[in-house]
């Protein structure tokens, strides 16, 4: 589930890194929510532990769904990869509190 260089390049090509950058506080809040919920049942939490819950949240987030539709990104992996990107970008802040 880790964010690889190939995934990162594909995310850049699809402008999903820009989507993250353009509203970083909102995406960080979603990551924090997923982190806190996951932390409730996993004490030694790792990035990949948080990703599934964040994916579930992204899949019902109108802004994300609309972006994917507008860009014609229909593959299911975009939610997973974007979640991995979000966790990768904010992991140190999430762990810090």
N, C-alpha and C. Protein backbone atom coordinates (compact mmCIF):
# COMPACT_ATOMS: atom_id res chain seq x y z
N UNK A 1 0.80 -1.21 0.00
CA UNK A 1 0.00 0.00 0.00
C UNK A 1 0.84 1.27 0.00
N UNK A 2 2.12 1.18 0.10
CA UNK A 2 2.96 2.36 0.22
C UNK A 2 2.95 3.20 -1.05
N UNK A 3 3.16 4.49 -0.86
CA UNK A 3 3.23 5.42 -1.99
C UNK A 3 4.57 5.25 -2.68
N UNK A 4 4.54 4.74 -3.89
CA UNK A 4 5.77 4.53 -4.66
C UNK A 4 6.03 5.75 -5.54
N UNK A 5 7.22 5.81 -6.10
CA UNK A 5 7.56 6.92 -7.00
C UNK A 5 6.66 6.90 -8.24
N UNK A 6 6.34 5.71 -8.75
CA UNK A 6 5.45 5.61 -9.92
C UNK A 6 4.07 6.16 -9.60
N UNK A 7 3.53 5.77 -8.44
CA UNK A 7 2.22 6.29 -8.04
C UNK A 7 2.27 7.80 -7.90
N UNK A 8 3.33 8.31 -7.29
CA UNK A 8 3.47 9.74 -7.10
C UNK A 8 3.49 10.47 -8.45
N UNK A 9 4.21 9.91 -9.41
CA UNK A 9 4.25 10.53 -10.74
C UNK A 9 2.87 10.49 -11.41
N UNK A 10 2.17 9.38 -11.28
CA UNK A 10 0.82 9.29 -11.84
C UNK A 10 -0.13 10.29 -11.17
N UNK A 11 0.01 10.45 -9.85
CA UNK A 11 -0.80 11.43 -9.13
C UNK A 11 -0.50 12.84 -9.61
N UNK A 12 0.77 13.13 -9.86
CA UNK A 12 1.16 14.44 -10.40
C UNK A 12 0.57 14.63 -11.79
N UNK A 13 0.68 13.61 -12.62
CA UNK A 13 0.15 13.70 -13.98
C UNK A 13 -1.36 13.94 -14.00
N UNK A 14 -2.06 13.40 -13.01
CA UNK A 14 -3.51 13.58 -12.91
C UNK A 14 -3.87 14.84 -12.12
N UNK A 15 -2.86 15.62 -11.75
CA UNK A 15 -3.02 16.87 -11.00
C UNK A 15 -3.61 16.67 -9.60
N UNK A 16 -3.53 15.45 -9.09
CA UNK A 16 -4.04 15.20 -7.75
C UNK A 16 -3.13 15.78 -6.67
N UNK A 17 -1.85 15.95 -6.98
CA UNK A 17 -0.96 16.62 -6.03
C UNK A 17 -1.37 18.09 -5.90
N UNK A 18 -1.83 18.67 -6.99
CA UNK A 18 -2.32 20.06 -6.95
C UNK A 18 -3.61 20.15 -6.15
N UNK A 19 -4.49 19.17 -6.32
CA UNK A 19 -5.73 19.14 -5.55
C UNK A 19 -5.41 19.12 -4.05
N UNK A 20 -4.44 18.33 -3.67
CA UNK A 20 -4.02 18.26 -2.27
C UNK A 20 -3.48 19.62 -1.82
N UNK A 21 -2.60 20.18 -2.61
CA UNK A 21 -1.96 21.45 -2.26
C UNK A 21 -2.97 22.59 -2.19
N UNK A 22 -3.95 22.61 -3.09
CA UNK A 22 -4.92 23.71 -3.17
C UNK A 22 -5.82 23.81 -1.94
N UNK A 23 -6.07 22.70 -1.26
CA UNK A 23 -6.90 22.75 -0.05
C UNK A 23 -6.33 21.83 1.02
N UNK A 24 -5.04 22.01 1.28
CA UNK A 24 -4.33 21.14 2.23
C UNK A 24 -5.01 21.07 3.60
N UNK A 25 -5.51 22.16 4.17
CA UNK A 25 -6.14 22.05 5.50
C UNK A 25 -7.34 21.09 5.53
N UNK A 26 -8.14 21.09 4.47
CA UNK A 26 -9.30 20.19 4.43
C UNK A 26 -8.87 18.73 4.34
N UNK A 27 -7.86 18.45 3.50
CA UNK A 27 -7.39 17.07 3.36
C UNK A 27 -6.68 16.62 4.63
N UNK A 28 -5.97 17.53 5.26
CA UNK A 28 -5.30 17.21 6.52
C UNK A 28 -6.33 16.88 7.61
N UNK A 29 -7.42 17.61 7.62
CA UNK A 29 -8.49 17.34 8.60
C UNK A 29 -9.07 15.95 8.40
N UNK A 30 -9.24 15.54 7.16
CA UNK A 30 -9.74 14.19 6.89
C UNK A 30 -8.72 13.15 7.36
N UNK A 31 -7.45 13.41 7.11
CA UNK A 31 -6.39 12.50 7.56
C UNK A 31 -6.39 12.41 9.08
N UNK A 32 -6.53 13.55 9.75
CA UNK A 32 -6.55 13.57 11.21
C UNK A 32 -7.74 12.77 11.75
N UNK A 33 -8.88 12.94 11.13
CA UNK A 33 -10.07 12.19 11.54
C UNK A 33 -9.82 10.68 11.42
N UNK A 34 -9.27 10.27 10.30
CA UNK A 34 -8.97 8.85 10.07
C UNK A 34 -7.91 8.34 11.04
N UNK A 35 -6.90 9.16 11.29
CA UNK A 35 -5.84 8.79 12.22
C UNK A 35 -6.41 8.59 13.63
N UNK A 36 -7.21 9.54 14.08
CA UNK A 36 -7.78 9.47 15.42
C UNK A 36 -8.68 8.24 15.58
N UNK A 37 -9.50 7.98 14.59
CA UNK A 37 -10.39 6.82 14.65
C UNK A 37 -9.59 5.52 14.66
N UNK A 38 -8.57 5.44 13.84
CA UNK A 38 -7.75 4.23 13.77
C UNK A 38 -6.96 4.06 15.07
N UNK A 39 -6.48 5.16 15.61
CA UNK A 39 -5.71 5.12 16.86
C UNK A 39 -6.55 4.56 18.01
N UNK A 40 -7.86 4.64 17.89
CA UNK A 40 -8.74 4.11 18.92
C UNK A 40 -8.65 2.61 19.10
N UNK A 41 -8.21 1.92 18.05
CA UNK A 41 -8.10 0.46 18.18
C UNK A 41 -6.73 -0.09 17.81
N UNK A 42 -5.82 0.73 17.35
CA UNK A 42 -4.44 0.30 17.07
C UNK A 42 -3.51 1.28 17.78
N UNK A 43 -2.81 0.81 18.78
CA UNK A 43 -1.95 1.71 19.56
C UNK A 43 -0.63 2.02 18.86
N UNK A 44 0.00 1.05 18.25
CA UNK A 44 1.25 1.29 17.53
C UNK A 44 0.92 1.46 16.05
N UNK A 45 0.35 2.59 15.76
CA UNK A 45 -0.22 2.87 14.44
C UNK A 45 0.87 3.18 13.41
N UNK A 46 0.64 2.70 12.20
CA UNK A 46 1.55 2.95 11.08
C UNK A 46 0.73 3.57 9.94
N UNK A 47 1.41 4.23 8.99
CA UNK A 47 0.66 4.91 7.92
C UNK A 47 -0.36 4.03 7.19
N UNK A 48 0.03 2.81 6.86
CA UNK A 48 -0.89 1.95 6.12
C UNK A 48 -2.10 1.51 6.94
N UNK A 49 -2.05 1.69 8.26
CA UNK A 49 -3.21 1.37 9.10
C UNK A 49 -4.31 2.42 8.93
N UNK A 50 -3.94 3.63 8.57
CA UNK A 50 -4.87 4.75 8.47
C UNK A 50 -5.53 4.82 7.09
N UNK A 51 -4.83 4.35 6.08
CA UNK A 51 -5.28 4.49 4.69
C UNK A 51 -6.69 3.94 4.43
N UNK A 52 -7.04 2.72 4.89
CA UNK A 52 -8.38 2.21 4.55
C UNK A 52 -9.53 3.10 5.02
N UNK A 53 -9.43 3.64 6.21
CA UNK A 53 -10.50 4.51 6.70
C UNK A 53 -10.54 5.83 5.91
N UNK A 54 -9.38 6.34 5.56
CA UNK A 54 -9.33 7.57 4.76
C UNK A 54 -9.91 7.32 3.36
N UNK A 55 -9.64 6.16 2.79
CA UNK A 55 -10.23 5.82 1.48
C UNK A 55 -11.74 5.88 1.57
N UNK A 56 -12.29 5.26 2.61
CA UNK A 56 -13.75 5.25 2.78
C UNK A 56 -14.31 6.67 2.86
N UNK A 57 -13.59 7.55 3.53
CA UNK A 57 -14.05 8.94 3.62
C UNK A 57 -13.93 9.65 2.28
N UNK A 58 -12.83 9.44 1.58
CA UNK A 58 -12.64 10.08 0.28
C UNK A 58 -13.72 9.66 -0.72
N UNK A 59 -14.08 8.39 -0.68
CA UNK A 59 -15.04 7.87 -1.65
C UNK A 59 -16.42 8.52 -1.55
N UNK A 60 -16.71 9.18 -0.43
CA UNK A 60 -18.00 9.86 -0.28
C UNK A 60 -17.84 11.37 -0.16
N UNK A 61 -16.65 11.87 -0.40
CA UNK A 61 -16.39 13.31 -0.34
C UNK A 61 -16.74 13.95 -1.68
N UNK A 62 -17.74 14.83 -1.70
CA UNK A 62 -18.18 15.41 -2.99
C UNK A 62 -17.07 16.08 -3.77
N UNK A 63 -16.19 16.83 -3.11
CA UNK A 63 -15.12 17.54 -3.82
C UNK A 63 -14.21 16.56 -4.55
N UNK A 64 -13.89 15.46 -3.90
CA UNK A 64 -13.02 14.47 -4.50
C UNK A 64 -13.73 13.73 -5.63
N UNK A 65 -14.96 13.34 -5.38
CA UNK A 65 -15.74 12.62 -6.41
C UNK A 65 -15.94 13.50 -7.65
N UNK A 66 -16.25 14.77 -7.43
CA UNK A 66 -16.44 15.68 -8.56
C UNK A 66 -15.15 15.89 -9.34
N UNK A 67 -14.04 15.98 -8.62
CA UNK A 67 -12.74 16.14 -9.29
C UNK A 67 -12.45 14.93 -10.18
N UNK A 68 -12.65 13.74 -9.63
CA UNK A 68 -12.40 12.52 -10.42
C UNK A 68 -13.31 12.48 -11.65
N UNK A 69 -14.56 12.84 -11.48
CA UNK A 69 -15.50 12.83 -12.60
C UNK A 69 -15.09 13.84 -13.66
N UNK A 70 -14.72 15.04 -13.22
CA UNK A 70 -14.31 16.09 -14.16
C UNK A 70 -13.08 15.68 -14.97
N UNK A 71 -12.14 15.02 -14.32
CA UNK A 71 -10.91 14.58 -14.97
C UNK A 71 -11.04 13.22 -15.65
N UNK A 72 -12.23 12.61 -15.52
CA UNK A 72 -12.50 11.29 -16.11
C UNK A 72 -11.54 10.22 -15.57
N UNK A 73 -11.29 10.29 -14.27
CA UNK A 73 -10.45 9.31 -13.58
C UNK A 73 -11.38 8.29 -12.93
N UNK A 74 -11.70 7.24 -13.66
CA UNK A 74 -12.72 6.29 -13.22
C UNK A 74 -12.17 5.09 -12.46
N UNK A 75 -10.87 4.88 -12.51
CA UNK A 75 -10.29 3.71 -11.88
C UNK A 75 -10.39 3.83 -10.35
N UNK A 76 -10.64 2.70 -9.71
CA UNK A 76 -10.82 2.67 -8.26
C UNK A 76 -9.53 2.99 -7.50
N UNK A 77 -8.38 2.79 -8.13
CA UNK A 77 -7.13 2.99 -7.39
C UNK A 77 -6.85 4.46 -7.06
N UNK A 78 -7.50 5.40 -7.72
CA UNK A 78 -7.22 6.81 -7.44
C UNK A 78 -7.53 7.16 -5.99
N UNK A 79 -8.59 6.61 -5.43
CA UNK A 79 -8.93 6.88 -4.03
C UNK A 79 -7.84 6.37 -3.11
N UNK A 80 -7.36 5.17 -3.37
CA UNK A 80 -6.31 4.58 -2.55
C UNK A 80 -5.02 5.39 -2.68
N UNK A 81 -4.64 5.71 -3.89
CA UNK A 81 -3.40 6.44 -4.11
C UNK A 81 -3.45 7.84 -3.52
N UNK A 82 -4.60 8.50 -3.64
CA UNK A 82 -4.73 9.84 -3.07
C UNK A 82 -4.68 9.76 -1.54
N UNK A 83 -5.30 8.76 -0.97
CA UNK A 83 -5.23 8.56 0.49
C UNK A 83 -3.78 8.34 0.92
N UNK A 84 -3.04 7.54 0.17
CA UNK A 84 -1.63 7.30 0.48
C UNK A 84 -0.84 8.60 0.40
N UNK A 85 -1.14 9.42 -0.60
CA UNK A 85 -0.47 10.71 -0.75
C UNK A 85 -0.76 11.61 0.44
N UNK A 86 -2.00 11.70 0.84
CA UNK A 86 -2.38 12.53 1.98
C UNK A 86 -1.65 12.08 3.24
N UNK A 87 -1.67 10.78 3.52
CA UNK A 87 -1.00 10.26 4.71
C UNK A 87 0.50 10.50 4.62
N UNK A 88 1.08 10.30 3.46
CA UNK A 88 2.50 10.54 3.27
C UNK A 88 2.87 12.00 3.59
N UNK A 89 2.06 12.92 3.11
CA UNK A 89 2.35 14.34 3.29
C UNK A 89 2.18 14.81 4.74
N UNK A 90 1.22 14.23 5.45
CA UNK A 90 0.89 14.74 6.78
C UNK A 90 1.26 13.79 7.92
N UNK A 91 1.93 12.70 7.64
CA UNK A 91 2.19 11.69 8.66
C UNK A 91 2.91 12.24 9.89
N UNK A 92 3.95 13.01 9.70
CA UNK A 92 4.70 13.50 10.86
C UNK A 92 3.82 14.41 11.72
N UNK A 93 2.98 15.20 11.11
CA UNK A 93 2.06 16.06 11.87
C UNK A 93 0.99 15.24 12.58
N UNK A 94 0.50 14.20 11.92
CA UNK A 94 -0.51 13.35 12.54
C UNK A 94 0.05 12.65 13.78
N UNK A 95 1.24 12.13 13.67
CA UNK A 95 1.87 11.43 14.80
C UNK A 95 2.16 12.39 15.95
N UNK A 96 2.45 13.62 15.60
CA UNK A 96 2.82 14.61 16.61
C UNK A 96 1.67 15.13 17.45
N UNK A 97 0.46 14.83 17.04
CA UNK A 97 -0.67 15.27 17.85
C UNK A 97 -1.65 16.11 17.18
